[in-house]
C-alpha atoms as a PDB file:
ATOM      1  CA  MET A   1     -45.993 -13.246  -5.025  1.00  0.00           C
ATOM      2  CA  ARG A   2     -42.864 -13.193  -2.831  1.00  0.00           C
ATOM      3  CA  PRO A   3     -41.452  -9.794  -1.954  1.00  0.00           C
ATOM      4  CA  LYS A   4     -38.320  -8.872  -3.860  1.00  0.00           C
ATOM      5  CA  ILE A   5     -35.132  -7.897  -1.972  1.00  0.00           C
ATOM      6  CA  PHE A   6     -32.255  -6.164  -3.700  1.00  0.00           C
ATOM      7  CA  ILE A   7     -28.811  -6.307  -2.031  1.00  0.00           C
ATOM      8  CA  PRO A   8     -25.724  -4.712  -3.608  1.00  0.00           C
ATOM      9  CA  ILE A   9     -22.435  -6.229  -2.469  1.00  0.00           C
ATOM     10  CA  ARG A  10     -19.083  -4.723  -3.376  1.00  0.00           C
ATOM     11  CA  ARG A  11     -16.007  -6.850  -2.949  1.00  0.00           C
ATOM     12  CA  ASP A  12     -13.828  -3.973  -1.791  1.00  0.00           C
ATOM     13  CA  GLN A  13     -16.382  -2.063   0.271  1.00  0.00           C
ATOM     14  CA  THR A  14     -14.673   0.698   2.159  1.00  0.00           C
ATOM     15  CA  TYR A  15     -16.919   0.156   5.193  1.00  0.00           C
ATOM     16  CA  GLU A  16     -15.876  -3.506   5.474  1.00  0.00           C
ATOM     17  CA  SER A  17     -17.481  -4.928   8.547  1.00  0.00           C
ATOM     18  CA  LEU A  18     -16.267  -7.682  10.804  1.00  0.00           C
ATOM     19  CA  ASN A  19     -19.884  -8.847  10.941  1.00  0.00           C
ATOM     20  CA  ARG A  20     -19.559 -10.131   7.399  1.00  0.00           C
ATOM     21  CA  ILE A  21     -16.315 -11.922   8.162  1.00  0.00           C
ATOM     22  CA  ARG A  22     -17.214 -13.670  11.393  1.00  0.00           C
ATOM     23  CA  ASP A  23     -18.709 -17.132  11.428  1.00  0.00           C
ATOM     24  CA  LYS A  24     -21.856 -18.356  13.092  1.00  0.00           C
ATOM     25  CA  ASN A  25     -21.902 -22.149  13.500  1.00  0.00           C
ATOM     26  CA  GLY A  26     -19.045 -22.388  11.004  1.00  0.00           C
ATOM     27  CA  ILE A  27     -20.874 -20.379   8.303  1.00  0.00           C
ATOM     28  CA  PRO A  28     -19.921 -16.751   7.407  1.00  0.00           C
ATOM     29  CA  LEU A  29     -22.381 -14.365   9.038  1.00  0.00           C
ATOM     30  CA  TRP A  30     -23.208 -12.709   5.736  1.00  0.00           C
ATOM     31  CA  ILE A  31     -24.254 -16.087   4.277  1.00  0.00           C
ATOM     32  CA  ASN A  32     -26.442 -16.747   7.370  1.00  0.00           C
ATOM     33  CA  PHE A  33     -28.051 -13.330   6.872  1.00  0.00           C
ATOM     34  CA  LEU A  34     -28.838 -14.040   3.213  1.00  0.00           C
ATOM     35  CA  ARG A  35     -30.218 -17.484   4.076  1.00  0.00           C
ATOM     36  CA  SER A  36     -32.551 -15.857   6.605  1.00  0.00           C
ATOM     37  CA  LEU A  37     -34.140 -13.980   3.664  1.00  0.00           C
ATOM     38  CA  ASN A  38     -35.141 -17.139   1.750  1.00  0.00           C
ATOM     39  CA  GLU A  39     -38.847 -16.254   2.117  1.00  0.00           C
ATOM     40  CA  PHE A  40     -38.165 -13.333  -0.238  1.00  0.00           C
ATOM     41  CA  GLU A  41     -37.140 -13.332  -3.902  1.00  0.00           C
ATOM     42  CA  LEU A  42     -33.532 -12.306  -3.318  1.00  0.00           C
ATOM     43  CA  PHE A  43     -31.368 -10.541  -5.926  1.00  0.00           C
ATOM     44  CA  ILE A  44     -27.660  -9.879  -5.328  1.00  0.00           C
ATOM     45  CA  ASP A  45     -25.836  -7.302  -7.434  1.00  0.00           C
ATOM     46  CA  THR A  46     -22.066  -7.754  -7.046  1.00  0.00           C
ATOM     47  CA  ASP A  47     -18.760  -6.887  -8.645  1.00  0.00           C
ATOM     48  CA  SER A  48     -17.116 -10.071  -7.317  1.00  0.00           C
ATOM     49  CA  THR A  49     -16.996 -13.413  -9.102  1.00  0.00           C
ATOM     50  CA  GLU A  50     -16.124 -14.987  -5.695  1.00  0.00           C
ATOM     51  CA  ILE A  51     -19.300 -13.584  -4.056  1.00  0.00           C
ATOM     52  CA  GLU A  52     -21.445 -14.525  -7.035  1.00  0.00           C
ATOM     53  CA  LYS A  53     -20.075 -18.058  -7.023  1.00  0.00           C
ATOM     54  CA  ALA A  54     -20.495 -18.479  -3.254  1.00  0.00           C
ATOM     55  CA  ILE A  55     -24.126 -17.368  -3.457  1.00  0.00           C
ATOM     56  CA  ASN A  56     -25.088 -19.355  -6.586  1.00  0.00           C
ATOM     57  CA  GLU A  57     -23.425 -22.542  -5.297  1.00  0.00           C
ATOM     58  CA  ASP A  58     -24.960 -22.478  -1.819  1.00  0.00           C
ATOM     59  CA  SER A  59     -27.740 -25.048  -1.889  1.00  0.00           C
ATOM     60  CA  ASP A  60     -29.301 -23.559   1.291  1.00  0.00           C
ATOM     61  CA  LEU A  61     -29.613 -20.155  -0.230  1.00  0.00           C
ATOM     62  CA  GLU A  62     -32.369 -19.128  -2.605  1.00  0.00           C
ATOM     63  CA  ALA A  63     -30.938 -16.126  -4.487  1.00  0.00           C
ATOM     64  CA  SER A  64     -30.038 -14.849  -7.905  1.00  0.00           C
ATOM     65  CA  ALA A  65     -26.572 -13.306  -7.891  1.00  0.00           C
ATOM     66  CA  TYR A  66     -25.312 -11.483 -10.955  1.00  0.00           C
ATOM     67  CA  GLN A  67     -22.259  -9.519 -11.980  1.00  0.00           C
ATOM     68  CA  ARG A  68     -22.583  -5.744 -11.942  1.00  0.00           C
ATOM     69  CA  ASP A  69     -22.183  -4.073 -15.348  1.00  0.00           C
ATOM     70  CA  GLU A  70     -18.721  -2.568 -15.926  1.00  0.00           C
ATOM     71  CA  SER A  71     -20.265   0.944 -16.149  1.00  0.00           C
ATOM     72  CA  LEU A  72     -21.456   0.509 -12.519  1.00  0.00           C
ATOM     73  CA  LEU A  73     -18.131  -0.372 -10.969  1.00  0.00           C
ATOM     74  CA  GLY A  74     -16.270   1.827  -8.513  1.00  0.00           C
ATOM     75  CA  ASP A  75     -16.819   4.109  -5.590  1.00  0.00           C
ATOM     76  CA  HIS A  76     -18.688   6.820  -7.561  1.00  0.00           C
ATOM     77  CA  VAL A  77     -21.697   4.611  -8.218  1.00  0.00           C
ATOM     78  CA  THR A  78     -24.732   5.294  -6.059  1.00  0.00           C
ATOM     79  CA  THR A  79     -27.235   2.738  -4.787  1.00  0.00           C
ATOM     80  CA  ASN A  80     -29.855   4.585  -6.840  1.00  0.00           C
ATOM     81  CA  ASP A  81     -27.859   3.795  -9.994  1.00  0.00           C
ATOM     82  CA  LEU A  82     -27.735   0.128  -9.014  1.00  0.00           C
ATOM     83  CA  ILE A  83     -31.494   0.045  -8.237  1.00  0.00           C
ATOM     84  CA  GLY A  84     -32.215   1.679 -11.592  1.00  0.00           C
ATOM     85  CA  HIS A  85     -30.134  -0.896 -13.369  1.00  0.00           C
ATOM     86  CA  PHE A  86     -31.793  -3.715 -11.450  1.00  0.00           C
ATOM     87  CA  ILE A  87     -35.255  -2.400 -12.399  1.00  0.00           C
ATOM     88  CA  GLU A  88     -34.251  -2.286 -16.080  1.00  0.00           C
ATOM     89  CA  ARG A  89     -32.523  -5.707 -15.981  1.00  0.00           C
ATOM     90  CA  TYR A  90     -35.524  -7.516 -14.473  1.00  0.00           C
ATOM     91  CA  ARG A  91     -38.209  -5.255 -16.041  1.00  0.00           C
ATOM     92  CA  ILE A  92     -39.772  -4.486 -12.698  1.00  0.00           C
ATOM     93  CA  GLN A  93     -42.871  -2.324 -12.847  1.00  0.00           C
ATOM     94  CA  HIS A  94     -45.382  -1.353 -10.193  1.00  0.00           C
ATOM     95  CA  GLU A  95     -43.870  -3.493  -7.436  1.00  0.00           C
ATOM     96  CA  THR A  96     -42.700  -2.732  -3.951  1.00  0.00           C
ATOM     97  CA  LEU A  97     -38.956  -3.477  -3.586  1.00  0.00           C
ATOM     98  CA  VAL A  98     -36.938  -4.005  -0.429  1.00  0.00           C
ATOM     99  CA  GLN A  99     -33.348  -2.804  -0.491  1.00  0.00           C
ATOM    100  CA  THR A 100     -30.834  -3.455   2.254  1.00  0.00           C
ATOM    101  CA  HIS A 101     -27.141  -4.173   2.759  1.00  0.00           C
ATOM    102  CA  LEU A 102     -25.087  -6.877   4.423  1.00  0.00           C
ATOM    103  CA  THR A 103     -24.223  -4.518   7.272  1.00  0.00           C
ATOM    104  CA  HIS A 104     -27.391  -5.642   9.031  1.00  0.00           C
ATOM    105  CA  PRO A 105     -26.688  -9.350   9.624  1.00  0.00           C
ATOM    106  CA  PHE A 106     -29.104  -9.593  12.599  1.00  0.00           C
ATOM    107  CA  LEU A 107     -32.002  -7.877  10.872  1.00  0.00           C
ATOM    108  CA  ASN A 108     -35.196  -9.767  11.455  1.00  0.00           C
ATOM    109  CA  PRO A 109     -36.843 -10.849   8.180  1.00  0.00           C
ATOM    110  CA  GLU A 110     -40.255 -10.275   9.755  1.00  0.00           C
ATOM    111  CA  THR A 111     -39.380  -6.573  10.091  1.00  0.00           C
ATOM    112  CA  LEU A 112     -38.673  -6.387   6.317  1.00  0.00           C
ATOM    113  CA  PHE A 113     -41.819  -8.302   5.494  1.00  0.00           C
ATOM    114  CA  ALA A 114     -43.981  -6.080   7.722  1.00  0.00           C
ATOM    115  CA  ALA A 115     -42.562  -2.940   6.022  1.00  0.00           C
ATOM    116  CA  TRP A 116     -43.055  -4.453   2.574  1.00  0.00           C
ATOM    117  CA  GLU A 117     -46.628  -5.398   3.468  1.00  0.00           C
ATOM    118  CA  ARG A 118     -47.372  -1.898   4.805  1.00  0.00           C
ATOM    119  CA  LEU A 119     -46.173  -0.293   1.574  1.00  0.00           C
ATOM    120  CA  THR A 120     -48.077  -2.785  -0.534  1.00  0.00           C
ATOM    121  CA  ILE A 121     -51.341  -2.169   1.283  1.00  0.00           C
ATOM    122  CA  ASP A 122     -51.054   1.557   2.191  1.00  0.00           C
ATOM    123  CA  SER A 123     -50.326   3.941  -0.636  1.00  0.00           C
ATOM    124  CA  THR A 124     -49.988   6.865   1.814  1.00  0.00           C
ATOM    125  CA  PHE A 125     -46.236   6.305   1.815  1.00  0.00           C
ATOM    126  CA  ASP A 126     -43.836   5.715  -1.015  1.00  0.00           C
ATOM    127  CA  SER A 127     -40.980   4.424   1.163  1.00  0.00           C
ATOM    128  CA  ILE A 128     -40.027   3.299   4.624  1.00  0.00           C
ATOM    129  CA  LEU A 129     -36.659   3.795   6.212  1.00  0.00           C
ATOM    130  CA  SER A 130     -35.625   2.417   9.543  1.00  0.00           C
ATOM    131  CA  CYS A 131     -33.830   4.880  11.820  1.00  0.00           C
ATOM    132  CA  THR A 132     -32.135   4.895  15.180  1.00  0.00           C
ATOM    133  CA  ARG A 133     -32.726   7.929  17.385  1.00  0.00           C
ATOM    134  CA  ASP A 134     -29.443   9.071  18.861  1.00  0.00           C
ATOM    135  CA  HIS A 135     -29.037  11.376  21.830  1.00  0.00           C
ATOM    136  CA  ALA A 136     -25.427  12.444  21.642  1.00  0.00           C
ATOM    137  CA  ARG A 137     -23.326  15.487  21.381  1.00  0.00           C
ATOM    138  CA  LEU A 138     -22.637  15.831  17.681  1.00  0.00           C
ATOM    139  CA  TRP A 139     -19.828  17.749  16.003  1.00  0.00           C
ATOM    140  CA  SER A 140     -19.097  18.600  12.446  1.00  0.00           C
ATOM    141  CA  HIS A 141     -16.002  19.839  10.692  1.00  0.00           C
ATOM    142  CA  ASP A 142     -15.326  22.404   7.994  1.00  0.00           C
ATOM    143  CA  THR A 143     -12.333  24.464   6.848  1.00  0.00           C
ATOM    144  CA  LYS A 144     -12.414  26.463  10.119  1.00  0.00           C
ATOM    145  CA  GLY A 145     -12.288  23.339  12.356  1.00  0.00           C
ATOM    146  CA  PHE A 146     -14.744  21.454  14.473  1.00  0.00           C
ATOM    147  CA  PHE A 147     -18.012  22.973  15.691  1.00  0.00           C
ATOM    148  CA  PRO A 148     -20.970  21.645  17.753  1.00  0.00           C
ATOM    149  CA  ILE A 149     -24.172  20.751  15.936  1.00  0.00           C
ATOM    150  CA  ASN A 150     -26.722  20.177  18.664  1.00  0.00           C
ATOM    151  CA  HIS A 151     -25.266  21.510  21.891  1.00  0.00           C
ATOM    152  CA  ASN A 152     -23.407  24.354  23.616  1.00  0.00           C
ATOM    153  CA  PRO A 153     -20.036  23.129  24.885  1.00  0.00           C
ATOM    154  CA  ILE A 154     -20.001  25.869  27.521  1.00  0.00           C
ATOM    155  CA  SER A 155     -23.235  24.666  29.069  1.00  0.00           C
ATOM    156  CA  LEU A 156     -23.459  20.877  28.675  1.00  0.00           C
ATOM    157  CA  ARG A 157     -26.882  19.393  29.300  1.00  0.00           C
ATOM    158  CA  ARG A 158     -27.541  15.735  29.836  1.00  0.00           C
ATOM    159  CA  THR A 159     -27.213  13.854  26.552  1.00  0.00           C
ATOM    160  CA  ASP A 160     -30.731  12.495  27.126  1.00  0.00           C
ATOM    161  CA  ASP A 161     -31.938  16.110  26.834  1.00  0.00           C
ATOM    162  CA  ALA A 162     -29.943  16.816  23.715  1.00  0.00           C
ATOM    163  CA  THR A 163     -31.779  17.224  20.476  1.00  0.00           C
ATOM    164  CA  GLY A 164     -32.257  13.702  19.127  1.00  0.00           C
ATOM    165  CA  TRP A 165     -31.024  12.913  15.661  1.00  0.00           C
ATOM    166  CA  HIS A 166     -32.385  10.097  13.564  1.00  0.00           C
ATOM    167  CA  LEU A 167     -29.671   8.097  11.978  1.00  0.00           C
ATOM    168  CA  ALA A 168     -30.878   6.276   8.905  1.00  0.00           C
ATOM    169  CA  GLU A 169     -30.087   2.652   8.778  1.00  0.00           C
ATOM    170  CA  ILE A 170     -29.299   1.239   5.380  1.00  0.00           C
ATOM    171  CA  ILE A 171     -32.635  -0.553   5.130  1.00  0.00           C
ATOM    172  CA  ALA A 172     -34.757   1.192   2.543  1.00  0.00           C
ATOM    173  CA  LEU A 173     -38.005   0.156   1.030  1.00  0.00           C
ATOM    174  CA  GLY A 174     -39.536   1.967  -1.874  1.00  0.00           C
ATOM    175  CA  GLN A 175     -42.593   1.800  -3.986  1.00  0.00           C
ATOM    176  CA  MET A 176     -41.136   0.998  -7.392  1.00  0.00           C
ATOM    177  CA  VAL A 177     -43.878   2.324  -9.619  1.00  0.00           C
ATOM    178  CA  ALA A 178     -41.357   3.398 -12.174  1.00  0.00           C
ATOM    179  CA  LYS A 179     -42.371   4.434 -15.617  1.00  0.00           C
ATOM    180  CA  SER A 180     -38.671   4.392 -16.235  1.00  0.00           C
ATOM    181  CA  ALA A 181     -35.802   3.159 -14.091  1.00  0.00           C
ATOM    182  CA  ASN A 182     -34.099   6.487 -14.872  1.00  0.00           C
ATOM    183  CA  GLN A 183     -36.286   8.274 -12.310  1.00  0.00           C
ATOM    184  CA  TYR A 184     -34.318   6.453  -9.578  1.00  0.00           C
ATOM    185  CA  ARG A 185     -30.957   7.703 -10.841  1.00  0.00           C
END
């Protein structure tokens, strides 16, 4: 059984990345990224007929691209909603599912496979999320203005000594042992 990867792609993503626009050897970087995942069973959920067509017509890409349901269009829709719909659409039960985004074009497929394998073998965890530890001076903003989160601006320590924050990457793996896809919404 090949691991399943679910990738949602919105045509008008507000976090549009140059990484998806640039070419590598004359091929768009996002297509190269998807091709690197051919060892997986790849499912692309999109709101774009152009993206669906590009994926389904690429003879070097093994993927199933499909149009997102009209009820799941727009900025208000969460990835959990899309995963729930995907689980219902393909009647997935008791399987480990990999979910990532195109914003990681240099992600190593072996990393995804190792995480999938770990979840498949070890039931101690129900999901794995890759993170980057960041040592920086972080600020937040509310109605009163900006304020420091993890430091004292009057007594600045080295950033290496600042409280580290773990920034979640958009790579998520979850044990999809759903009795109902609704539990992921």
